[in-house]
Every structure is written in structure tokens, then in C-alpha cells.
Amino acid sequence: MAREPREGGRGGREREQGDELVDKLVTINRVAKVVKGGRRFAFAALVVVGDQKGRVGYGAGKAREVPEAIRKATERARRNMIRVPMKEGRTLHHDAVGHFGAGEVVVRAAEAGTGIIAGGPIRAVFESLGISDVVAKSLGTRNPHNMIKAAFNALERASSPRQVAARRGKKTFELFGRREQSETEAANV
């Protein structure tokens, strides 16, 4: 079985996969298990996978070798993908706050041209997701696992106007049309 050549660097590794999925290596951690003869070392990898069109997932894998840990993490990330509604294909519809453990991630929609303003692991999530304008802040933890889980919690809460209208049993234009009607009524009085 032939292996693909890997790009160097510890974090932020990026690779295109067959069905146009981009995987980003967020972190690799060497862990040790103490046994009778000494220590057994293994590697834990955290990977984010996305199609850059609104689907993203994360996964963790552990193995004795780095490539095997990355492969396991990538498989788990592909199985656990979620769809996130995007506004104009570049940002979120509204702000959201996600929690996991002690971590809290605040995600805010941004105007065109803002770019991705987010720290390490959260930046990988947005790049894989295909969002180009967003502001995010991580509070309470610097653990990459908890930061990513809190970011996914925030993204799972995000909804589009169409989803909100369906939940309320209304049409999409009714959500936004009220303001215009009340302004015309006020002008007529």
C-alpha cells in the first residue's frame, strides 16, 4: 500500500480527499502509558474535515504511529459531519454561543471582507466549513478538544431564516415583512 507524501509542520496540515473534503490536522499529542518495562508511547491526533460548502466534522484518533492516528481521526471526523446554514456562502446568519466543559466559544457573523478572526483550532473549523467572514472568541479553556467541541455546539445552534420560519409555521417573508408593514402603517397615520 503506497502512502501519499505528507506536508511538513506540526499543526494546520491540509489535504484534499477524493470527494472534495479538506482535512486539517489541528493537533498531535504524544501520550505515554507506564508498563512494567518502562513507557509505551502513542500519538493522539485531532482532525477537522469539511467540504468548504457548509459541512464540517471533527474526530480524534490514537495509535502507536502518527499516520495511523491521523487516519483514525479523519475517519471519525467524516462520520460525524454536521451541516451549517451559511448566509451568502460566506458567513453565519446570526451570532451564537457554544459551551463544552469549562470552555465557551462566541461566534459572530461578520461583514464581507472581514476574514476569519479566530484562534488556532477554531480557525481550522471555519476554514474547513468554507466560511470566509466570521469573528470568534474562545473563553475559559485553551484545550483544543474542548475549544472545537464548544465551537461545534455553537454551530449546531445556528439556523437559517427558512428553518426559523418552518419552526414557527410561517413563511420566510413574514419574518422580515413585519418591519416594512409597520413602517408604512406609521407613515400613513
N, C-alpha and C. Protein backbone atom coordinates (compact mmCIF):
# COMPACT_ATOMS: atom_id res chain seq x y z
N MET A 1 0.84 -1.17 0.00
CA MET A 1 0.00 0.00 0.00
C MET A 1 0.89 1.24 0.00
N ALA A 2 0.79 2.05 -1.04
CA ALA A 2 1.62 3.24 -1.16
C ALA A 2 1.04 4.37 -0.32
N ARG A 3 1.91 5.15 0.26
CA ARG A 3 1.49 6.27 1.07
C ARG A 3 1.67 7.57 0.30
N GLU A 4 0.79 8.53 0.60
CA GLU A 4 0.91 9.84 -0.02
C GLU A 4 2.01 10.62 0.67
N PRO A 5 2.73 11.48 -0.07
CA PRO A 5 3.72 12.32 0.61
C PRO A 5 3.01 13.33 1.50
N ARG A 6 3.57 13.55 2.68
CA ARG A 6 2.95 14.45 3.64
C ARG A 6 3.64 15.79 3.62
N GLU A 7 2.86 16.83 3.90
CA GLU A 7 3.44 18.15 4.05
C GLU A 7 3.99 18.27 5.45
N GLY A 8 5.05 19.05 5.61
CA GLY A 8 5.69 19.21 6.92
C GLY A 8 4.88 20.09 7.84
N GLY A 9 5.37 20.23 9.06
CA GLY A 9 4.70 21.09 10.04
C GLY A 9 3.90 20.29 11.03
N ARG A 10 3.77 20.84 12.24
CA ARG A 10 3.06 20.10 13.29
C ARG A 10 1.56 20.31 13.21
N GLY A 11 1.11 21.53 13.05
CA GLY A 11 -0.33 21.81 13.06
C GLY A 11 -0.76 22.43 11.74
N GLY A 12 -2.05 22.38 11.47
CA GLY A 12 -2.59 23.04 10.30
C GLY A 12 -2.37 22.29 9.00
N ARG A 13 -2.07 21.01 9.06
CA ARG A 13 -1.86 20.23 7.85
C ARG A 13 -3.17 20.16 7.09
N GLU A 14 -3.10 20.31 5.77
CA GLU A 14 -4.30 20.35 4.96
C GLU A 14 -4.15 19.38 3.80
N ARG A 15 -5.22 18.64 3.49
CA ARG A 15 -5.16 17.68 2.39
C ARG A 15 -6.54 17.56 1.76
N GLU A 16 -6.57 17.51 0.43
CA GLU A 16 -7.82 17.31 -0.29
C GLU A 16 -8.07 15.80 -0.38
N GLN A 17 -9.31 15.38 -0.21
CA GLN A 17 -9.64 13.97 -0.32
C GLN A 17 -10.51 13.75 -1.55
N GLY A 18 -10.75 12.49 -1.88
CA GLY A 18 -11.43 12.12 -3.11
C GLY A 18 -12.74 12.84 -3.36
N ASP A 19 -13.63 12.94 -2.37
CA ASP A 19 -14.92 13.58 -2.59
C ASP A 19 -14.88 15.05 -2.16
N GLU A 20 -13.76 15.71 -2.45
CA GLU A 20 -13.57 17.14 -2.23
C GLU A 20 -13.68 17.54 -0.76
N LEU A 21 -13.29 16.67 0.14
CA LEU A 21 -13.24 17.02 1.56
C LEU A 21 -11.83 17.49 1.89
N VAL A 22 -11.74 18.53 2.70
CA VAL A 22 -10.46 19.06 3.14
C VAL A 22 -10.29 18.65 4.59
N ASP A 23 -9.16 18.02 4.91
CA ASP A 23 -8.93 17.69 6.32
C ASP A 23 -7.78 18.54 6.85
N LYS A 24 -7.98 19.04 8.06
CA LYS A 24 -6.97 19.87 8.71
C LYS A 24 -6.56 19.21 10.02
N LEU A 25 -5.28 19.01 10.16
CA LEU A 25 -4.74 18.45 11.39
C LEU A 25 -4.63 19.58 12.41
N VAL A 26 -5.36 19.47 13.49
CA VAL A 26 -5.38 20.53 14.50
C VAL A 26 -4.24 20.34 15.49
N THR A 27 -4.10 19.14 16.01
CA THR A 27 -3.04 18.90 16.99
C THR A 27 -2.64 17.43 17.02
N ILE A 28 -1.38 17.21 17.37
CA ILE A 28 -0.88 15.86 17.63
C ILE A 28 -0.26 15.89 19.01
N ASN A 29 -0.59 14.90 19.83
CA ASN A 29 -0.09 14.85 21.19
C ASN A 29 0.52 13.48 21.45
N ARG A 30 1.74 13.46 22.01
CA ARG A 30 2.35 12.18 22.37
C ARG A 30 1.93 11.84 23.78
N VAL A 31 1.35 10.66 23.94
CA VAL A 31 0.88 10.22 25.25
C VAL A 31 1.64 8.96 25.64
N ALA A 32 1.79 8.75 26.94
CA ALA A 32 2.57 7.62 27.43
C ALA A 32 1.73 6.77 28.37
N LYS A 33 1.94 5.45 28.26
CA LYS A 33 1.32 4.51 29.19
C LYS A 33 2.46 3.81 29.92
N VAL A 34 2.45 3.88 31.23
CA VAL A 34 3.53 3.27 32.01
C VAL A 34 3.23 1.79 32.18
N VAL A 35 4.16 0.95 31.75
CA VAL A 35 4.04 -0.50 31.88
C VAL A 35 5.25 -1.02 32.64
N LYS A 36 5.30 -2.32 32.84
CA LYS A 36 6.33 -2.94 33.67
C LYS A 36 7.75 -2.60 33.18
N GLY A 37 7.97 -2.63 31.88
CA GLY A 37 9.32 -2.40 31.36
C GLY A 37 9.65 -0.94 31.09
N GLY A 38 8.75 -0.03 31.36
CA GLY A 38 9.03 1.38 31.08
C GLY A 38 7.76 2.09 30.61
N ARG A 39 7.90 2.86 29.53
CA ARG A 39 6.75 3.59 29.00
C ARG A 39 6.44 3.16 27.59
N ARG A 40 5.16 3.09 27.28
CA ARG A 40 4.70 2.84 25.90
C ARG A 40 4.16 4.15 25.35
N PHE A 41 4.73 4.61 24.26
CA PHE A 41 4.29 5.88 23.69
C PHE A 41 3.29 5.65 22.57
N ALA A 42 2.32 6.54 22.52
CA ALA A 42 1.32 6.54 21.44
C ALA A 42 1.10 7.99 21.04
N PHE A 43 0.37 8.18 19.95
CA PHE A 43 0.09 9.52 19.46
C PHE A 43 -1.41 9.73 19.33
N ALA A 44 -1.86 10.88 19.83
CA ALA A 44 -3.27 11.24 19.71
C ALA A 44 -3.38 12.40 18.74
N ALA A 45 -4.26 12.27 17.75
CA ALA A 45 -4.44 13.30 16.73
C ALA A 45 -5.86 13.84 16.77
N LEU A 46 -6.00 15.13 16.49
CA LEU A 46 -7.30 15.79 16.39
C LEU A 46 -7.39 16.39 14.99
N VAL A 47 -8.42 16.00 14.24
CA VAL A 47 -8.56 16.40 12.84
C VAL A 47 -9.94 17.00 12.61
N VAL A 48 -9.99 18.05 11.78
CA VAL A 48 -11.25 18.66 11.34
C VAL A 48 -11.37 18.43 9.84
N VAL A 49 -12.55 17.96 9.39
CA VAL A 49 -12.80 17.67 7.98
C VAL A 49 -14.01 18.47 7.51
N GLY A 50 -13.92 19.06 6.32
CA GLY A 50 -15.05 19.81 5.79
C GLY A 50 -15.02 19.85 4.27
N ASP A 51 -16.17 20.17 3.68
CA ASP A 51 -16.25 20.24 2.22
C ASP A 51 -16.19 21.68 1.72
N GLN A 52 -16.02 22.65 2.61
CA GLN A 52 -15.97 24.09 2.30
C GLN A 52 -17.24 24.58 1.64
N LYS A 53 -18.34 23.85 1.86
CA LYS A 53 -19.65 24.25 1.33
C LYS A 53 -20.73 24.16 2.40
N GLY A 54 -20.32 24.10 3.67
CA GLY A 54 -21.31 24.09 4.74
C GLY A 54 -21.37 22.82 5.55
N ARG A 55 -20.50 21.84 5.26
CA ARG A 55 -20.46 20.62 6.07
C ARG A 55 -19.10 20.51 6.73
N VAL A 56 -19.09 20.13 8.01
CA VAL A 56 -17.84 20.02 8.75
C VAL A 56 -17.99 18.96 9.85
N GLY A 57 -16.88 18.33 10.22
CA GLY A 57 -16.88 17.34 11.28
C GLY A 57 -15.51 17.29 11.94
N TYR A 58 -15.46 16.74 13.14
CA TYR A 58 -14.17 16.60 13.83
C TYR A 58 -14.04 15.18 14.36
N GLY A 59 -12.79 14.76 14.55
CA GLY A 59 -12.57 13.43 15.08
C GLY A 59 -11.22 13.34 15.77
N ALA A 60 -11.13 12.45 16.74
CA ALA A 60 -9.88 12.21 17.45
C ALA A 60 -9.49 10.75 17.24
N GLY A 61 -8.21 10.51 17.09
CA GLY A 61 -7.72 9.15 16.90
C GLY A 61 -6.43 8.95 17.66
N LYS A 62 -6.20 7.73 18.13
CA LYS A 62 -4.98 7.42 18.88
C LYS A 62 -4.40 6.13 18.37
N ALA A 63 -3.08 6.12 18.16
CA ALA A 63 -2.41 4.92 17.67
C ALA A 63 -0.92 5.01 18.03
N ARG A 64 -0.21 3.91 17.80
CA ARG A 64 1.23 3.88 18.10
C ARG A 64 2.04 4.70 17.11
N GLU A 65 1.50 4.88 15.89
CA GLU A 65 2.19 5.65 14.86
C GLU A 65 1.36 6.87 14.48
N VAL A 66 2.02 7.96 14.11
CA VAL A 66 1.33 9.21 13.78
C VAL A 66 0.39 9.06 12.58
N PRO A 67 0.83 8.47 11.45
CA PRO A 67 -0.09 8.38 10.30
C PRO A 67 -1.36 7.58 10.60
N GLU A 68 -1.23 6.55 11.41
CA GLU A 68 -2.39 5.73 11.77
C GLU A 68 -3.35 6.53 12.67
N ALA A 69 -2.81 7.33 13.59
CA ALA A 69 -3.65 8.17 14.45
C ALA A 69 -4.40 9.20 13.61
N ILE A 70 -3.73 9.78 12.62
CA ILE A 70 -4.36 10.77 11.74
C ILE A 70 -5.46 10.11 10.91
N ARG A 71 -5.20 8.90 10.41
CA ARG A 71 -6.18 8.18 9.61
C ARG A 71 -7.44 7.88 10.43
N LYS A 72 -7.25 7.40 11.66
CA LYS A 72 -8.39 7.10 12.53
C LYS A 72 -9.20 8.37 12.84
N ALA A 73 -8.50 9.46 13.13
CA ALA A 73 -9.18 10.72 13.44
C ALA A 73 -9.96 11.21 12.22
N THR A 74 -9.39 11.07 11.04
CA THR A 74 -10.06 11.52 9.81
C THR A 74 -11.31 10.69 9.55
N GLU A 75 -11.25 9.39 9.77
CA GLU A 75 -12.43 8.53 9.59
C GLU A 75 -13.55 8.95 10.54
N ARG A 76 -13.20 9.19 11.80
CA ARG A 76 -14.22 9.61 12.77
C ARG A 76 -14.81 10.96 12.39
N ALA A 77 -13.98 11.87 11.89
CA ALA A 77 -14.45 13.20 11.50
C ALA A 77 -15.43 13.10 10.33
N ARG A 78 -15.16 12.20 9.38
CA ARG A 78 -16.04 12.05 8.22
C ARG A 78 -17.39 11.46 8.63
N ARG A 79 -17.40 10.62 9.67
CA ARG A 79 -18.66 10.01 10.13
C ARG A 79 -19.50 11.00 10.93
N ASN A 80 -18.87 11.98 11.57
CA ASN A 80 -19.57 12.90 12.47
C ASN A 80 -19.72 14.29 11.87
N MET A 81 -20.07 14.38 10.60
CA MET A 81 -20.19 15.69 9.96
C MET A 81 -21.57 16.29 10.21
N ILE A 82 -21.59 17.62 10.35
CA ILE A 82 -22.84 18.35 10.51
C ILE A 82 -22.96 19.37 9.38
N ARG A 83 -24.18 19.79 9.09
CA ARG A 83 -24.41 20.83 8.09
C ARG A 83 -24.73 22.13 8.81
N VAL A 84 -24.07 23.21 8.38
CA VAL A 84 -24.26 24.52 8.99
C VAL A 84 -24.82 25.47 7.94
N PRO A 85 -25.97 26.12 8.20
CA PRO A 85 -26.52 27.06 7.23
C PRO A 85 -25.64 28.31 7.15
N MET A 86 -25.33 28.71 5.90
CA MET A 86 -24.46 29.87 5.71
C MET A 86 -25.22 30.97 4.98
N LYS A 87 -24.90 32.21 5.31
CA LYS A 87 -25.52 33.38 4.68
C LYS A 87 -24.62 33.83 3.53
N GLU A 88 -25.16 33.85 2.34
CA GLU A 88 -24.45 34.26 1.13
C GLU A 88 -23.19 33.42 0.89
N GLY A 89 -23.12 32.23 1.48
CA GLY A 89 -21.99 31.34 1.29
C GLY A 89 -20.69 31.81 1.91
N ARG A 90 -20.75 32.82 2.81
CA ARG A 90 -19.51 33.36 3.36
C ARG A 90 -19.52 33.57 4.87
N THR A 91 -20.70 33.64 5.51
CA THR A 91 -20.75 33.88 6.95
C THR A 91 -21.98 33.19 7.55
N LEU A 92 -22.18 33.37 8.85
CA LEU A 92 -23.33 32.79 9.54
C LEU A 92 -24.51 33.75 9.47
N HIS A 93 -25.72 33.26 9.74
CA HIS A 93 -26.91 34.10 9.74
C HIS A 93 -27.00 34.95 11.00
N HIS A 94 -26.49 34.43 12.12
CA HIS A 94 -26.61 35.15 13.39
C HIS A 94 -25.48 34.73 14.32
N ASP A 95 -25.32 35.45 15.42
CA ASP A 95 -24.31 35.13 16.42
C ASP A 95 -24.76 33.91 17.23
N ALA A 96 -23.78 33.18 17.79
CA ALA A 96 -24.11 32.01 18.59
C ALA A 96 -23.04 31.83 19.66
N VAL A 97 -23.43 31.20 20.75
CA VAL A 97 -22.51 30.88 21.84
C VAL A 97 -22.58 29.38 22.08
N GLY A 98 -21.42 28.74 22.14
CA GLY A 98 -21.37 27.30 22.40
C GLY A 98 -20.58 27.01 23.66
N HIS A 99 -20.99 25.97 24.36
CA HIS A 99 -20.33 25.58 25.61
C HIS A 99 -19.91 24.12 25.53
N PHE A 100 -18.78 23.82 26.12
CA PHE A 100 -18.40 22.44 26.37
C PHE A 100 -17.43 22.44 27.54
N GLY A 101 -17.77 21.74 28.60
CA GLY A 101 -16.92 21.72 29.78
C GLY A 101 -16.75 23.13 30.32
N ALA A 102 -15.50 23.53 30.56
CA ALA A 102 -15.22 24.87 31.05
C ALA A 102 -15.10 25.86 29.90
N GLY A 103 -15.12 25.36 28.66
CA GLY A 103 -14.91 26.21 27.51
C GLY A 103 -16.18 26.84 26.99
N GLU A 104 -16.03 28.05 26.47
CA GLU A 104 -17.13 28.77 25.85
C GLU A 104 -16.58 29.41 24.58
N VAL A 105 -17.30 29.30 23.49
CA VAL A 105 -16.89 29.90 22.23
C VAL A 105 -18.00 30.82 21.76
N VAL A 106 -17.66 32.08 21.49
CA VAL A 106 -18.60 33.06 20.97
C VAL A 106 -18.30 33.21 19.48
N VAL A 107 -19.31 32.98 18.64
CA VAL A 107 -19.16 33.06 17.19
C VAL A 107 -20.07 34.16 16.69
N ARG A 108 -19.51 35.11 15.92
CA ARG A 108 -20.29 36.25 15.43
C ARG A 108 -20.19 36.35 13.92
N ALA A 109 -21.32 36.64 13.29
CA ALA A 109 -21.34 36.89 11.86
C ALA A 109 -20.59 38.19 11.59
N ALA A 110 -19.98 38.29 10.40
CA ALA A 110 -19.20 39.48 10.08
C ALA A 110 -19.50 39.95 8.66
N GLU A 111 -19.16 41.21 8.39
CA GLU A 111 -19.37 41.78 7.07
C GLU A 111 -18.37 41.23 6.08
N ALA A 112 -18.67 41.40 4.80
CA ALA A 112 -17.79 40.92 3.74
C ALA A 112 -16.43 41.60 3.85
N GLY A 113 -15.37 40.82 3.68
CA GLY A 113 -14.02 41.37 3.74
C GLY A 113 -13.38 41.30 5.10
N THR A 114 -14.11 40.84 6.11
CA THR A 114 -13.57 40.77 7.46
C THR A 114 -12.52 39.67 7.58
N GLY A 115 -12.79 38.53 6.96
CA GLY A 115 -11.89 37.39 7.08
C GLY A 115 -12.24 36.54 8.29
N ILE A 116 -11.41 35.55 8.55
CA ILE A 116 -11.62 34.68 9.71
C ILE A 116 -10.76 35.21 10.86
N ILE A 117 -11.42 35.74 11.86
CA ILE A 117 -10.71 36.22 13.04
C ILE A 117 -11.03 35.24 14.16
N ALA A 118 -10.15 34.26 14.33
CA ALA A 118 -10.37 33.19 15.31
C ALA A 118 -9.03 32.56 15.64
N GLY A 119 -8.94 31.98 16.82
CA GLY A 119 -7.72 31.33 17.25
C GLY A 119 -7.60 29.92 16.70
N GLY A 120 -6.39 29.41 16.66
CA GLY A 120 -5.97 28.12 16.14
C GLY A 120 -7.01 27.07 15.80
N PRO A 121 -7.47 26.28 16.77
CA PRO A 121 -8.39 25.18 16.45
C PRO A 121 -9.72 25.65 15.85
N ILE A 122 -10.21 26.79 16.30
CA ILE A 122 -11.49 27.28 15.78
C ILE A 122 -11.32 27.77 14.35
N ARG A 123 -10.17 28.34 14.04
CA ARG A 123 -9.88 28.77 12.67
C ARG A 123 -9.93 27.58 11.72
N ALA A 124 -9.39 26.44 12.13
CA ALA A 124 -9.42 25.24 11.29
C ALA A 124 -10.85 24.81 10.99
N VAL A 125 -11.75 24.95 11.98
CA VAL A 125 -13.15 24.59 11.78
C VAL A 125 -13.78 25.46 10.69
N PHE A 126 -13.57 26.79 10.77
CA PHE A 126 -14.18 27.70 9.81
C PHE A 126 -13.58 27.56 8.42
N GLU A 127 -12.28 27.30 8.34
CA GLU A 127 -11.65 27.10 7.03
C GLU A 127 -12.20 25.85 6.37
N SER A 128 -12.37 24.78 7.13
CA SER A 128 -12.92 23.54 6.58
C SER A 128 -14.39 23.70 6.21
N LEU A 129 -15.09 24.53 6.95
CA LEU A 129 -16.52 24.76 6.73
C LEU A 129 -16.77 25.60 5.48
N GLY A 130 -15.82 26.46 5.13
CA GLY A 130 -15.97 27.32 3.96
C GLY A 130 -16.48 28.71 4.30
N ILE A 131 -16.50 29.05 5.57
CA ILE A 131 -16.91 30.39 5.99
C ILE A 131 -15.69 31.31 5.86
N SER A 132 -15.89 32.45 5.20
CA SER A 132 -14.75 33.35 4.97
C SER A 132 -14.80 34.61 5.83
N ASP A 133 -15.97 34.96 6.39
CA ASP A 133 -16.09 36.16 7.21
C ASP A 133 -16.76 35.81 8.53
N VAL A 134 -15.98 35.77 9.60
CA VAL A 134 -16.52 35.41 10.90
C VAL A 134 -15.55 35.89 11.98
N VAL A 135 -16.09 36.21 13.15
CA VAL A 135 -15.28 36.58 14.30
C VAL A 135 -15.63 35.59 15.41
N ALA A 136 -14.60 35.01 16.04
CA ALA A 136 -14.84 34.03 17.11
C ALA A 136 -13.89 34.29 18.26
N LYS A 137 -14.36 34.03 19.45
CA LYS A 137 -13.53 34.18 20.64
C LYS A 137 -13.73 32.98 21.54
N SER A 138 -12.63 32.40 21.99
CA SER A 138 -12.68 31.26 22.90
C SER A 138 -12.42 31.75 24.31
N LEU A 139 -13.29 31.35 25.23
CA LEU A 139 -13.17 31.77 26.62
C LEU A 139 -13.13 30.54 27.53
N GLY A 140 -12.34 30.59 28.58
CA GLY A 140 -12.41 29.56 29.61
C GLY A 140 -11.47 28.39 29.45
N THR A 141 -11.00 28.08 28.25
CA THR A 141 -10.11 26.94 28.08
C THR A 141 -9.21 27.15 26.87
N ARG A 142 -8.04 26.56 26.92
CA ARG A 142 -7.15 26.57 25.76
C ARG A 142 -6.95 25.16 25.23
N ASN A 143 -7.67 24.20 25.78
CA ASN A 143 -7.60 22.81 25.34
C ASN A 143 -8.24 22.70 23.96
N PRO A 144 -7.50 22.27 22.92
CA PRO A 144 -8.06 22.25 21.57
C PRO A 144 -9.30 21.36 21.43
N HIS A 145 -9.35 20.24 22.14
CA HIS A 145 -10.51 19.35 22.07
C HIS A 145 -11.77 20.08 22.55
N ASN A 146 -11.67 20.74 23.71
CA ASN A 146 -12.83 21.43 24.26
C ASN A 146 -13.20 22.66 23.45
N MET A 147 -12.21 23.34 22.87
CA MET A 147 -12.50 24.50 22.02
C MET A 147 -13.30 24.08 20.78
N ILE A 148 -12.88 22.98 20.15
CA ILE A 148 -13.58 22.51 18.95
C ILE A 148 -14.98 22.02 19.30
N LYS A 149 -15.12 21.30 20.41
CA LYS A 149 -16.45 20.82 20.80
C LYS A 149 -17.38 21.98 21.13
N ALA A 150 -16.85 23.03 21.76
CA ALA A 150 -17.67 24.21 22.05
C ALA A 150 -18.05 24.93 20.76
N ALA A 151 -17.12 24.99 19.80
CA ALA A 151 -17.41 25.63 18.50
C ALA A 151 -18.49 24.84 17.77
N PHE A 152 -18.43 23.52 17.81
CA PHE A 152 -19.46 22.71 17.15
C PHE A 152 -20.80 22.88 17.85
N ASN A 153 -20.78 23.04 19.17
CA ASN A 153 -22.01 23.29 19.89
C ASN A 153 -22.65 24.59 19.42
N ALA A 154 -21.83 25.62 19.20
CA ALA A 154 -22.34 26.90 18.70
C ALA A 154 -22.86 26.75 17.27
N LEU A 155 -22.14 26.02 16.42
CA LEU A 155 -22.55 25.86 15.02
C LEU A 155 -23.82 25.03 14.90
N GLU A 156 -24.02 24.07 15.81
CA GLU A 156 -25.25 23.27 15.78
C GLU A 156 -26.47 24.12 16.13
N ARG A 157 -26.27 25.18 16.91
CA ARG A 157 -27.37 26.08 17.28
C ARG A 157 -27.72 27.05 16.16
N ALA A 158 -26.81 27.24 15.21
CA ALA A 158 -27.05 28.19 14.12
C ALA A 158 -28.20 27.69 13.25
N SER A 159 -29.05 28.62 12.82
CA SER A 159 -30.16 28.25 11.95
C SER A 159 -30.38 29.35 10.91
N SER A 160 -30.99 28.97 9.81
CA SER A 160 -31.27 29.92 8.74
C SER A 160 -32.67 30.50 8.93
N PRO A 161 -32.97 31.62 8.27
CA PRO A 161 -34.32 32.17 8.36
C PRO A 161 -35.39 31.17 7.89
N ARG A 162 -35.05 30.35 6.92
CA ARG A 162 -36.00 29.34 6.43
C ARG A 162 -36.33 28.33 7.53
N GLN A 163 -35.31 27.90 8.29
CA GLN A 163 -35.54 26.95 9.38
C GLN A 163 -36.37 27.59 10.50
N VAL A 164 -36.10 28.85 10.80
CA VAL A 164 -36.85 29.55 11.84
C VAL A 164 -38.31 29.69 11.43
N ALA A 165 -38.54 30.06 10.16
CA ALA A 165 -39.91 30.20 9.66
C ALA A 165 -40.65 28.87 9.72
N ALA A 166 -39.99 27.79 9.33
CA ALA A 166 -40.63 26.47 9.38
C ALA A 166 -40.98 26.08 10.82
N ARG A 167 -40.08 26.40 11.74
CA ARG A 167 -40.32 26.07 13.15
C ARG A 167 -41.52 26.85 13.69
N ARG A 168 -41.70 28.07 13.22
CA ARG A 168 -42.81 28.91 13.70
C ARG A 168 -44.07 28.73 12.88
N GLY A 169 -44.00 27.96 11.79
CA GLY A 169 -45.17 27.75 10.96
C GLY A 169 -45.52 28.96 10.12
N LYS A 170 -44.52 29.71 9.69
CA LYS A 170 -44.74 30.91 8.88
C LYS A 170 -43.94 30.80 7.59
N LYS A 171 -44.15 31.77 6.74
CA LYS A 171 -43.36 31.88 5.52
C LYS A 171 -42.14 32.76 5.81
N THR A 172 -41.08 32.60 5.03
CA THR A 172 -39.85 33.35 5.28
C THR A 172 -40.08 34.85 5.19
N PHE A 173 -40.85 35.31 4.21
CA PHE A 173 -41.05 36.75 4.05
C PHE A 173 -41.82 37.35 5.22
N GLU A 174 -42.63 36.52 5.93
CA GLU A 174 -43.37 37.03 7.08
C GLU A 174 -42.44 37.41 8.23
N LEU A 175 -41.28 36.74 8.31
CA LEU A 175 -40.33 37.07 9.38
C LEU A 175 -39.76 38.47 9.19
N PHE A 176 -39.52 38.85 7.94
CA PHE A 176 -38.88 40.12 7.65
C PHE A 176 -39.89 41.18 7.21
N GLY A 177 -41.08 40.77 6.76
CA GLY A 177 -42.05 41.70 6.22
C GLY A 177 -42.73 42.57 7.27
N ARG A 178 -42.77 42.14 8.50
CA ARG A 178 -43.47 42.86 9.57
C ARG A 178 -42.92 44.27 9.75
N ARG A 179 -41.61 44.41 9.71
CA ARG A 179 -40.99 45.70 9.94
C ARG A 179 -41.40 46.70 8.85
N GLU A 180 -41.41 46.25 7.61
CA GLU A 180 -41.78 47.13 6.50
C GLU A 180 -43.25 47.52 6.59
N GLN A 181 -44.12 46.59 6.98
CA GLN A 181 -45.55 46.90 7.11
C GLN A 181 -45.79 47.91 8.21
N SER A 182 -45.12 47.76 9.35
CA SER A 182 -45.34 48.68 10.46
C SER A 182 -44.81 50.07 10.13
N GLU A 183 -43.74 50.17 9.33
CA GLU A 183 -43.24 51.48 8.91
C GLU A 183 -44.23 52.17 7.97
N THR A 184 -44.83 51.44 7.04
CA THR A 184 -45.80 52.04 6.12
C THR A 184 -47.07 52.45 6.87
N GLU A 185 -47.49 51.64 7.85
CA GLU A 185 -48.67 52.00 8.64
C GLU A 185 -48.41 53.26 9.45
N ALA A 186 -47.21 53.40 10.00
CA ALA A 186 -46.85 54.58 10.79
C ALA A 186 -46.80 55.82 9.90
N ALA A 187 -46.35 55.64 8.65
CA ALA A 187 -46.26 56.77 7.72
C ALA A 187 -47.67 57.21 7.29
N ASN A 188 -48.63 56.27 7.19
CA ASN A 188 -49.98 56.60 6.78
C ASN A 188 -50.78 57.31 7.86
N VAL A 189 -50.41 57.15 9.12
CA VAL A 189 -51.16 57.74 10.24
C VAL A 189 -50.85 59.18 10.43
